[in-house]
């Protein structure tokens, strides 16, 4: 998905609606990027030529089912990501869930 944040009461927010169509274990993460190459961002006070590293706080920082990664058959998720969960899961708004019949 590509989209824009909403801004209200001094905070930016974004909501997704996902309709899974397969049974299984899923991992969702959210990457956000603000940089100077976005041409459609034109507003007073914009910082030209400045990019930002953004951390995403999903669901007010709860664990977001990170323990489900232990059940993944892929070592990227069940090993590598769990070695540094703050940098590799939580920083990008990681979320795991099961879809069952």
PDB file of N, CA and C in Angstrom:
ATOM      1  N   UNK A   1       0.821  -1.175   0.000  1.00  0.00           N
ATOM      2  CA  UNK A   1       0.000   0.000   0.000  1.00  0.00           C
ATOM      3  C   UNK A   1       0.873   1.249   0.000  1.00  0.00           C
ATOM      4  N   UNK A   2       0.451   2.231  -0.709  1.00  0.00           N
ATOM      5  CA  UNK A   2       1.096   3.536  -0.675  1.00  0.00           C
ATOM      6  C   UNK A   2       0.007   4.538  -0.324  1.00  0.00           C
ATOM      7  N   UNK A   3       0.276   5.381   0.644  1.00  0.00           N
ATOM      8  CA  UNK A   3      -0.757   6.328   1.039  1.00  0.00           C
ATOM      9  C   UNK A   3      -0.181   7.472   1.823  1.00  0.00           C
ATOM     10  N   UNK A   4      -1.066   8.236   2.404  1.00  0.00           N
ATOM     11  CA  UNK A   4      -0.665   9.391   3.194  1.00  0.00           C
ATOM     12  C   UNK A   4      -1.296   9.300   4.568  1.00  0.00           C
ATOM     13  N   UNK A   5      -0.594   9.841   5.540  1.00  0.00           N
ATOM     14  CA  UNK A   5      -1.098   9.884   6.903  1.00  0.00           C
ATOM     15  C   UNK A   5      -2.173  10.948   7.042  1.00  0.00           C
ATOM     16  N   UNK A   6      -3.067  10.719   7.980  1.00  0.00           N
ATOM     17  CA  UNK A   6      -4.009  11.748   8.403  1.00  0.00           C
ATOM     18  C   UNK A   6      -3.381  12.465   9.591  1.00  0.00           C
ATOM     19  N   UNK A   7      -3.723  13.721   9.791  1.00  0.00           N
ATOM     20  CA  UNK A   7      -3.178  14.505  10.891  1.00  0.00           C
ATOM     21  C   UNK A   7      -4.331  15.081  11.692  1.00  0.00           C
ATOM     22  N   UNK A   8      -4.317  14.795  12.993  1.00  0.00           N
ATOM     23  CA  UNK A   8      -5.383  15.278  13.847  1.00  0.00           C
ATOM     24  C   UNK A   8      -4.876  15.403  15.277  1.00  0.00           C
ATOM     25  N   UNK A   9      -5.212  16.483  15.943  1.00  0.00           N
ATOM     26  CA  UNK A   9      -4.820  16.716  17.342  1.00  0.00           C
ATOM     27  C   UNK A   9      -3.323  16.560  17.568  1.00  0.00           C
ATOM     28  N   UNK A  10      -2.517  17.045  16.631  1.00  0.00           N
ATOM     29  CA  UNK A  10      -1.072  17.016  16.783  1.00  0.00           C
ATOM     30  C   UNK A  10      -0.417  15.672  16.529  1.00  0.00           C
ATOM     31  N   UNK A  11      -1.166  14.703  15.978  1.00  0.00           N
ATOM     32  CA  UNK A  11      -0.623  13.371  15.708  1.00  0.00           C
ATOM     33  C   UNK A  11      -0.978  12.931  14.297  1.00  0.00           C
ATOM     34  N   UNK A  12      -0.061  12.161  13.718  1.00  0.00           N
ATOM     35  CA  UNK A  12      -0.324  11.534  12.426  1.00  0.00           C
ATOM     36  C   UNK A  12      -0.847  10.128  12.682  1.00  0.00           C
ATOM     37  N   UNK A  13      -1.795   9.683  11.878  1.00  0.00           N
ATOM     38  CA  UNK A  13      -2.315   8.329  12.046  1.00  0.00           C
ATOM     39  C   UNK A  13      -2.687   7.739  10.698  1.00  0.00           C
ATOM     40  N   UNK A  14      -2.749   6.421  10.685  1.00  0.00           N
ATOM     41  CA  UNK A  14      -3.030   5.671   9.465  1.00  0.00           C
ATOM     42  C   UNK A  14      -3.729   4.389   9.864  1.00  0.00           C
ATOM     43  N   UNK A  15      -4.726   3.974   9.114  1.00  0.00           N
ATOM     44  CA  UNK A  15      -5.443   2.729   9.395  1.00  0.00           C
ATOM     45  C   UNK A  15      -5.521   1.894   8.125  1.00  0.00           C
ATOM     46  N   UNK A  16      -5.370   0.592   8.289  1.00  0.00           N
ATOM     47  CA  UNK A  16      -5.475  -0.346   7.176  1.00  0.00           C
ATOM     48  C   UNK A  16      -6.635  -1.294   7.407  1.00  0.00           C
ATOM     49  N   UNK A  17      -7.211  -1.765   6.333  1.00  0.00           N
ATOM     50  CA  UNK A  17      -8.164  -2.861   6.382  1.00  0.00           C
ATOM     51  C   UNK A  17      -7.615  -3.941   5.461  1.00  0.00           C
ATOM     52  N   UNK A  18      -7.321  -5.098   6.044  1.00  0.00           N
ATOM     53  CA  UNK A  18      -6.743  -6.207   5.289  1.00  0.00           C
ATOM     54  C   UNK A  18      -7.735  -7.359   5.301  1.00  0.00           C
ATOM     55  N   UNK A  19      -7.970  -7.950   4.146  1.00  0.00           N
ATOM     56  CA  UNK A  19      -8.862  -9.097   4.032  1.00  0.00           C
ATOM     57  C   UNK A  19      -8.039 -10.275   3.514  1.00  0.00           C
ATOM     58  N   UNK A  20      -7.516 -11.106   4.423  1.00  0.00           N
ATOM     59  CA  UNK A  20      -6.717 -12.259   3.997  1.00  0.00           C
ATOM     60  C   UNK A  20      -7.559 -13.265   3.222  1.00  0.00           C
ATOM     61  N   UNK A  21      -6.945 -13.885   2.224  1.00  0.00           N
ATOM     62  CA  UNK A  21      -7.667 -14.851   1.406  1.00  0.00           C
ATOM     63  C   UNK A  21      -7.042 -16.239   1.444  1.00  0.00           C
ATOM     64  N   UNK A  22      -6.001 -16.410   2.294  1.00  0.00           N
ATOM     65  CA  UNK A  22      -5.362 -17.702   2.451  1.00  0.00           C
ATOM     66  C   UNK A  22      -5.197 -18.004   3.935  1.00  0.00           C
ATOM     67  N   UNK A  23      -5.197 -19.277   4.268  1.00  0.00           N
ATOM     68  CA  UNK A  23      -4.963 -19.737   5.628  1.00  0.00           C
ATOM     69  C   UNK A  23      -3.456 -19.774   5.866  1.00  0.00           C
ATOM     70  N   UNK A  24      -3.010 -19.378   7.058  1.00  0.00           N
ATOM     71  CA  UNK A  24      -1.594 -19.469   7.379  1.00  0.00           C
ATOM     72  C   UNK A  24      -1.150 -18.441   8.392  1.00  0.00           C
ATOM     73  N   UNK A  25       0.161 -18.378   8.575  1.00  0.00           N
ATOM     74  CA  UNK A  25       0.801 -17.415   9.460  1.00  0.00           C
ATOM     75  C   UNK A  25       1.308 -16.259   8.607  1.00  0.00           C
ATOM     76  N   UNK A  26       1.013 -15.042   9.028  1.00  0.00           N
ATOM     77  CA  UNK A  26       1.384 -13.866   8.249  1.00  0.00           C
ATOM     78  C   UNK A  26       2.128 -12.849   9.108  1.00  0.00           C
ATOM     79  N   UNK A  27       3.021 -12.133   8.455  1.00  0.00           N
ATOM     80  CA  UNK A  27       3.760 -11.038   9.080  1.00  0.00           C
ATOM     81  C   UNK A  27       3.493  -9.786   8.260  1.00  0.00           C
ATOM     82  N   UNK A  28       3.149  -8.729   8.940  1.00  0.00           N
ATOM     83  CA  UNK A  28       2.887  -7.436   8.312  1.00  0.00           C
ATOM     84  C   UNK A  28       3.825  -6.439   8.955  1.00  0.00           C
ATOM     85  N   UNK A  29       4.435  -5.580   8.152  1.00  0.00           N
ATOM     86  CA  UNK A  29       5.246  -4.505   8.712  1.00  0.00           C
ATOM     87  C   UNK A  29       4.960  -3.224   7.947  1.00  0.00           C
ATOM     88  N   UNK A  30       5.254  -2.134   8.595  1.00  0.00           N
ATOM     89  CA  UNK A  30       4.933  -0.831   8.021  1.00  0.00           C
ATOM     90  C   UNK A  30       6.206  -0.005   7.945  1.00  0.00           C
ATOM     91  N   UNK A  31       6.583   0.351   6.752  1.00  0.00           N
ATOM     92  CA  UNK A  31       7.744   1.212   6.542  1.00  0.00           C
ATOM     93  C   UNK A  31       7.241   2.593   6.157  1.00  0.00           C
ATOM     94  N   UNK A  32       7.787   3.591   6.786  1.00  0.00           N
ATOM     95  CA  UNK A  32       7.395   4.959   6.482  1.00  0.00           C
ATOM     96  C   UNK A  32       8.634   5.755   6.116  1.00  0.00           C
ATOM     97  N   UNK A  33       8.514   6.578   5.110  1.00  0.00           N
ATOM     98  CA  UNK A  33       9.671   7.319   4.618  1.00  0.00           C
ATOM     99  C   UNK A  33       9.255   8.742   4.288  1.00  0.00           C
ATOM    100  N   UNK A  34      10.005   9.675   4.790  1.00  0.00           N
ATOM    101  CA  UNK A  34       9.820  11.073   4.434  1.00  0.00           C
ATOM    102  C   UNK A  34      11.146  11.531   3.855  1.00  0.00           C
ATOM    103  N   UNK A  35      11.133  11.949   2.612  1.00  0.00           N
ATOM    104  CA  UNK A  35      12.381  12.403   2.004  1.00  0.00           C
ATOM    105  C   UNK A  35      12.116  13.554   1.052  1.00  0.00           C
ATOM    106  N   UNK A  36      13.172  14.112   0.544  1.00  0.00           N
ATOM    107  CA  UNK A  36      13.058  15.309  -0.290  1.00  0.00           C
ATOM    108  C   UNK A  36      12.658  15.002  -1.725  1.00  0.00           C
ATOM    109  N   UNK A  37      12.565  13.723  -2.095  1.00  0.00           N
ATOM    110  CA  UNK A  37      12.246  13.385  -3.484  1.00  0.00           C
ATOM    111  C   UNK A  37      10.751  13.225  -3.738  1.00  0.00           C
ATOM    112  N   UNK A  38       9.936  13.369  -2.710  1.00  0.00           N
ATOM    113  CA  UNK A  38       8.488  13.238  -2.880  1.00  0.00           C
ATOM    114  C   UNK A  38       7.956  14.522  -3.500  1.00  0.00           C
ATOM    115  N   UNK A  39       7.624  14.446  -4.751  1.00  0.00           N
ATOM    116  CA  UNK A  39       7.244  15.652  -5.494  1.00  0.00           C
ATOM    117  C   UNK A  39       5.874  16.204  -5.128  1.00  0.00           C
ATOM    118  N   UNK A  40       4.969  15.333  -4.643  1.00  0.00           N
ATOM    119  CA  UNK A  40       3.608  15.819  -4.375  1.00  0.00           C
ATOM    120  C   UNK A  40       3.465  16.422  -2.979  1.00  0.00           C
ATOM    121  N   UNK A  41       4.564  16.531  -2.235  1.00  0.00           N
ATOM    122  CA  UNK A  41       4.522  17.159  -0.919  1.00  0.00           C
ATOM    123  C   UNK A  41       4.957  18.602  -1.051  1.00  0.00           C
ATOM    124  N   UNK A  42       3.997  19.498  -1.120  1.00  0.00           N
ATOM    125  CA  UNK A  42       4.291  20.911  -1.304  1.00  0.00           C
ATOM    126  C   UNK A  42       3.458  21.711  -0.307  1.00  0.00           C
ATOM    127  N   UNK A  43       4.069  22.107   0.798  1.00  0.00           N
ATOM    128  CA  UNK A  43       3.346  22.871   1.795  1.00  0.00           C
ATOM    129  C   UNK A  43       4.298  23.840   2.490  1.00  0.00           C
ATOM    130  N   UNK A  44       3.746  24.880   3.057  1.00  0.00           N
ATOM    131  CA  UNK A  44       4.507  25.892   3.758  1.00  0.00           C
ATOM    132  C   UNK A  44       5.250  25.265   4.936  1.00  0.00           C
ATOM    133  N   UNK A  45       6.532  25.527   5.045  1.00  0.00           N
ATOM    134  CA  UNK A  45       7.326  25.001   6.136  1.00  0.00           C
ATOM    135  C   UNK A  45       7.982  23.667   5.862  1.00  0.00           C
ATOM    136  N   UNK A  46       7.799  23.141   4.667  1.00  0.00           N
ATOM    137  CA  UNK A  46       8.415  21.867   4.304  1.00  0.00           C
ATOM    138  C   UNK A  46       9.934  22.024   4.312  1.00  0.00           C
ATOM    139  N   UNK A  47      10.639  21.030   4.840  1.00  0.00           N
ATOM    140  CA  UNK A  47      12.100  21.056   4.896  1.00  0.00           C
ATOM    141  C   UNK A  47      12.660  20.452   3.610  1.00  0.00           C
ATOM    142  N   UNK A  48      13.041  21.271   2.668  1.00  0.00           N
ATOM    143  CA  UNK A  48      13.595  20.782   1.407  1.00  0.00           C
ATOM    144  C   UNK A  48      14.952  20.138   1.624  1.00  0.00           C
ATOM    145  N   UNK A  49      15.177  19.015   0.956  1.00  0.00           N
ATOM    146  CA  UNK A  49      16.461  18.335   1.005  1.00  0.00           C
ATOM    147  C   UNK A  49      16.742  17.592   2.292  1.00  0.00           C
ATOM    148  N   UNK A  50      15.726  17.361   3.125  1.00  0.00           N
ATOM    149  CA  UNK A  50      15.931  16.681   4.393  1.00  0.00           C
ATOM    150  C   UNK A  50      15.123  15.390   4.405  1.00  0.00           C
ATOM    151  N   UNK A  51      15.797  14.272   4.654  1.00  0.00           N
ATOM    152  CA  UNK A  51      15.119  12.996   4.815  1.00  0.00           C
ATOM    153  C   UNK A  51      15.101  12.615   6.284  1.00  0.00           C
ATOM    154  N   UNK A  52      14.209  11.727   6.670  1.00  0.00           N
ATOM    155  CA  UNK A  52      14.068  11.322   8.064  1.00  0.00           C
ATOM    156  C   UNK A  52      14.049   9.807   8.185  1.00  0.00           C
ATOM    157  N   UNK A  53      14.579   9.278   9.270  1.00  0.00           N
ATOM    158  CA  UNK A  53      14.438   7.880   9.608  1.00  0.00           C
ATOM    159  C   UNK A  53      13.265   7.804  10.579  1.00  0.00           C
ATOM    160  N   UNK A  54      12.255   7.057  10.223  1.00  0.00           N
ATOM    161  CA  UNK A  54      11.020   7.050  11.002  1.00  0.00           C
ATOM    162  C   UNK A  54      10.802   5.681  11.636  1.00  0.00           C
ATOM    163  N   UNK A  55      10.511   5.673  12.926  1.00  0.00           N
ATOM    164  CA  UNK A  55      10.118   4.459  13.625  1.00  0.00           C
ATOM    165  C   UNK A  55       8.608   4.442  13.729  1.00  0.00           C
ATOM    166  N   UNK A  56       8.013   3.280  13.526  1.00  0.00           N
ATOM    167  CA  UNK A  56       6.560   3.153  13.559  1.00  0.00           C
ATOM    168  C   UNK A  56       6.146   2.502  14.874  1.00  0.00           C
ATOM    169  N   UNK A  57       5.209   3.118  15.573  1.00  0.00           N
ATOM    170  CA  UNK A  57       4.661   2.544  16.800  1.00  0.00           C
ATOM    171  C   UNK A  57       3.275   2.021  16.468  1.00  0.00           C
ATOM    172  N   UNK A  58       3.166   0.706  16.404  1.00  0.00           N
ATOM    173  CA  UNK A  58       1.913   0.063  16.022  1.00  0.00           C
ATOM    174  C   UNK A  58       1.165  -0.415  17.257  1.00  0.00           C
ATOM    175  N   UNK A  59      -0.120  -0.165  17.306  1.00  0.00           N
ATOM    176  CA  UNK A  59      -0.975  -0.605  18.418  1.00  0.00           C
ATOM    177  C   UNK A  59      -0.438  -0.165  19.779  1.00  0.00           C
ATOM    178  N   UNK A  60      -0.005   1.067  19.870  1.00  0.00           N
ATOM    179  CA  UNK A  60       0.511   1.646  21.114  1.00  0.00           C
ATOM    180  C   UNK A  60       1.683   0.865  21.704  1.00  0.00           C
ATOM    181  N   UNK A  61       2.436   0.183  20.854  1.00  0.00           N
ATOM    182  CA  UNK A  61       3.661  -0.483  21.292  1.00  0.00           C
ATOM    183  C   UNK A  61       3.489  -1.846  21.929  1.00  0.00           C
ATOM    184  N   UNK A  62       2.317  -2.464  21.835  1.00  0.00           N
ATOM    185  CA  UNK A  62       2.161  -3.818  22.379  1.00  0.00           C
ATOM    186  C   UNK A  62       3.035  -4.792  21.594  1.00  0.00           C
ATOM    187  N   UNK A  63       3.158  -6.026  22.052  1.00  0.00           N
ATOM    188  CA  UNK A  63       4.096  -6.968  21.434  1.00  0.00           C
ATOM    189  C   UNK A  63       3.702  -7.384  20.013  1.00  0.00           C
ATOM    190  N   UNK A  64       2.474  -7.204  19.635  1.00  0.00           N
ATOM    191  CA  UNK A  64       1.988  -7.470  18.270  1.00  0.00           C
ATOM    192  C   UNK A  64       2.272  -8.897  17.802  1.00  0.00           C
ATOM    193  N   UNK A  65       2.183  -9.843  18.738  1.00  0.00           N
ATOM    194  CA  UNK A  65       2.296 -11.278  18.452  1.00  0.00           C
ATOM    195  C   UNK A  65       3.652 -11.687  17.905  1.00  0.00           C
ATOM    196  N   UNK A  66       4.708 -11.024  18.343  1.00  0.00           N
ATOM    197  CA  UNK A  66       6.048 -11.342  17.850  1.00  0.00           C
ATOM    198  C   UNK A  66       6.412 -12.804  18.110  1.00  0.00           C
ATOM    199  N   UNK A  67       5.862 -13.409  19.164  1.00  0.00           N
ATOM    200  CA  UNK A  67       6.162 -14.807  19.467  1.00  0.00           C
ATOM    201  C   UNK A  67       5.701 -15.759  18.359  1.00  0.00           C
ATOM    202  N   UNK A  68       4.755 -15.349  17.540  1.00  0.00           N
ATOM    203  CA  UNK A  68       4.316 -16.182  16.407  1.00  0.00           C
ATOM    204  C   UNK A  68       5.456 -16.437  15.426  1.00  0.00           C
ATOM    205  N   UNK A  69       6.447 -15.548  15.395  1.00  0.00           N
ATOM    206  CA  UNK A  69       7.570 -15.723  14.470  1.00  0.00           C
ATOM    207  C   UNK A  69       8.328 -17.014  14.742  1.00  0.00           C
ATOM    208  N   UNK A  70       8.293 -17.496  15.968  1.00  0.00           N
ATOM    209  CA  UNK A  70       8.948 -18.762  16.290  1.00  0.00           C
ATOM    210  C   UNK A  70       8.381 -19.925  15.480  1.00  0.00           C
ATOM    211  N   UNK A  71       7.159 -19.804  14.998  1.00  0.00           N
ATOM    212  CA  UNK A  71       6.502 -20.872  14.244  1.00  0.00           C
ATOM    213  C   UNK A  71       6.713 -20.760  12.739  1.00  0.00           C
ATOM    214  N   UNK A  72       7.413 -19.750  12.293  1.00  0.00           N
ATOM    215  CA  UNK A  72       7.659 -19.581  10.858  1.00  0.00           C
ATOM    216  C   UNK A  72       8.711 -20.590  10.383  1.00  0.00           C
ATOM    217  N   UNK A  73       8.510 -21.174   9.197  1.00  0.00           N
ATOM    218  CA  UNK A  73       9.527 -22.075   8.641  1.00  0.00           C
ATOM    219  C   UNK A  73      10.711 -21.321   8.022  1.00  0.00           C
ATOM    220  N   UNK A  74      10.605 -20.011   7.904  1.00  0.00           N
ATOM    221  CA  UNK A  74      11.629 -19.190   7.265  1.00  0.00           C
ATOM    222  C   UNK A  74      12.595 -18.633   8.311  1.00  0.00           C
ATOM    223  N   UNK A  75      13.913 -18.951   8.201  1.00  0.00           N
ATOM    224  CA  UNK A  75      14.878 -18.449   9.184  1.00  0.00           C
ATOM    225  C   UNK A  75      14.979 -16.924   9.240  1.00  0.00           C
ATOM    226  N   UNK A  76      14.558 -16.249   8.186  1.00  0.00           N
ATOM    227  CA  UNK A  76      14.544 -14.784   8.229  1.00  0.00           C
ATOM    228  C   UNK A  76      13.644 -14.311   9.365  1.00  0.00           C
ATOM    229  N   UNK A  77      12.515 -14.987   9.543  1.00  0.00           N
ATOM    230  CA  UNK A  77      11.554 -14.592  10.571  1.00  0.00           C
ATOM    231  C   UNK A  77      11.798 -15.284  11.905  1.00  0.00           C
ATOM    232  N   UNK A  78      12.082 -16.594  11.908  1.00  0.00           N
ATOM    233  CA  UNK A  78      12.193 -17.327  13.165  1.00  0.00           C
ATOM    234  C   UNK A  78      13.563 -17.213  13.820  1.00  0.00           C
ATOM    235  N   UNK A  79      14.526 -16.606  13.153  1.00  0.00           N
ATOM    236  CA  UNK A  79      15.864 -16.461  13.713  1.00  0.00           C
ATOM    237  C   UNK A  79      16.359 -15.017  13.594  1.00  0.00           C
ATOM    238  N   UNK A  80      16.650 -14.595  12.372  1.00  0.00           N
ATOM    239  CA  UNK A  80      17.259 -13.289  12.126  1.00  0.00           C
ATOM    240  C   UNK A  80      16.457 -12.151  12.755  1.00  0.00           C
ATOM    241  N   UNK A  81      15.161 -12.125  12.537  1.00  0.00           N
ATOM    242  CA  UNK A  81      14.337 -11.025  13.046  1.00  0.00           C
ATOM    243  C   UNK A  81      14.288 -11.029  14.574  1.00  0.00           C
ATOM    244  N   UNK A  82      14.316 -12.222  15.177  1.00  0.00           N
ATOM    245  CA  UNK A  82      14.206 -12.324  16.628  1.00  0.00           C
ATOM    246  C   UNK A  82      15.512 -12.019  17.356  1.00  0.00           C
ATOM    247  N   UNK A  83      16.635 -12.003  16.649  1.00  0.00           N
ATOM    248  CA  UNK A  83      17.911 -11.659  17.278  1.00  0.00           C
ATOM    249  C   UNK A  83      17.907 -10.201  17.751  1.00  0.00           C
ATOM    250  N   UNK A  84      17.326  -9.312  16.946  1.00  0.00           N
ATOM    251  CA  UNK A  84      17.219  -7.891  17.292  1.00  0.00           C
ATOM    252  C   UNK A  84      15.784  -7.433  17.036  1.00  0.00           C
ATOM    253  N   UNK A  85      14.843  -7.841  17.881  1.00  0.00           N
ATOM    254  CA  UNK A  85      13.431  -7.538  17.629  1.00  0.00           C
ATOM    255  C   UNK A  85      13.105  -6.052  17.592  1.00  0.00           C
ATOM    256  N   UNK A  86      13.793  -5.255  18.390  1.00  0.00           N
ATOM    257  CA  UNK A  86      13.538  -3.811  18.386  1.00  0.00           C
ATOM    258  C   UNK A  86      13.853  -3.180  17.045  1.00  0.00           C
ATOM    259  N   UNK A  87      14.986  -3.568  16.467  1.00  0.00           N
ATOM    260  CA  UNK A  87      15.438  -3.001  15.193  1.00  0.00           C
ATOM    261  C   UNK A  87      14.787  -3.649  13.976  1.00  0.00           C
ATOM    262  N   UNK A  88      14.377  -4.907  14.099  1.00  0.00           N
ATOM    263  CA  UNK A  88      13.929  -5.656  12.923  1.00  0.00           C
ATOM    264  C   UNK A  88      12.436  -5.967  12.903  1.00  0.00           C
ATOM    265  N   UNK A  89      11.747  -5.742  14.007  1.00  0.00           N
ATOM    266  CA  UNK A  89      10.308  -6.010  14.064  1.00  0.00           C
ATOM    267  C   UNK A  89       9.547  -4.782  14.542  1.00  0.00           C
ATOM    268  N   UNK A  90       9.837  -4.338  15.764  1.00  0.00           N
ATOM    269  CA  UNK A  90       9.065  -3.249  16.352  1.00  0.00           C
ATOM    270  C   UNK A  90       9.296  -1.909  15.656  1.00  0.00           C
ATOM    271  N   UNK A  91      10.514  -1.633  15.233  1.00  0.00           N
ATOM    272  CA  UNK A  91      10.825  -0.357  14.576  1.00  0.00           C
ATOM    273  C   UNK A  91       9.978  -0.138  13.322  1.00  0.00           C
ATOM    274  N   UNK A  92       9.629  -1.235  12.669  1.00  0.00           N
ATOM    275  CA  UNK A  92       8.854  -1.144  11.426  1.00  0.00           C
ATOM    276  C   UNK A  92       7.395  -1.533  11.623  1.00  0.00           C
ATOM    277  N   UNK A  93       6.909  -1.392  12.837  1.00  0.00           N
ATOM    278  CA  UNK A  93       5.499  -1.672  13.095  1.00  0.00           C
ATOM    279  C   UNK A  93       5.126  -3.100  12.754  1.00  0.00           C
ATOM    280  N   UNK A  94       5.969  -4.066  13.134  1.00  0.00           N
ATOM    281  CA  UNK A  94       5.704  -5.462  12.827  1.00  0.00           C
ATOM    282  C   UNK A  94       4.457  -5.982  13.521  1.00  0.00           C
ATOM    283  N   UNK A  95       3.761  -6.860  12.834  1.00  0.00           N
ATOM    284  CA  UNK A  95       2.554  -7.484  13.386  1.00  0.00           C
ATOM    285  C   UNK A  95       2.419  -8.874  12.781  1.00  0.00           C
ATOM    286  N   UNK A  96       2.153  -9.870  13.619  1.00  0.00           N
ATOM    287  CA  UNK A  96       1.965 -11.244  13.148  1.00  0.00           C
ATOM    288  C   UNK A  96       0.556 -11.700  13.479  1.00  0.00           C
ATOM    289  N   UNK A  97      -0.008 -12.531  12.610  1.00  0.00           N
ATOM    290  CA  UNK A  97      -1.340 -13.054  12.849  1.00  0.00           C
ATOM    291  C   UNK A  97      -1.554 -14.357  12.084  1.00  0.00           C
ATOM    292  N   UNK A  98      -2.465 -15.140  12.585  1.00  0.00           N
ATOM    293  CA  UNK A  98      -2.869 -16.365  11.921  1.00  0.00           C
ATOM    294  C   UNK A  98      -4.219 -16.154  11.249  1.00  0.00           C
ATOM    295  N   UNK A  99      -4.394 -16.778  10.103  1.00  0.00           N
ATOM    296  CA  UNK A  99      -5.692 -16.861   9.445  1.00  0.00           C
ATOM    297  C   UNK A  99      -6.056 -18.335   9.461  1.00  0.00           C
ATOM    298  N   UNK A 100      -7.217 -18.648  10.017  1.00  0.00           N
ATOM    299  CA  UNK A 100      -7.695 -20.024  10.111  1.00  0.00           C
ATOM    300  C   UNK A 100      -9.022 -20.152   9.371  1.00  0.00           C
ATOM    301  N   UNK A 101      -9.352 -21.362   9.012  1.00  0.00           N
ATOM    302  CA  UNK A 101     -10.631 -21.579   8.306  1.00  0.00           C
ATOM    303  C   UNK A 101     -11.786 -21.424   9.238  1.00  0.00           C
TER     304      UNK A 101
END
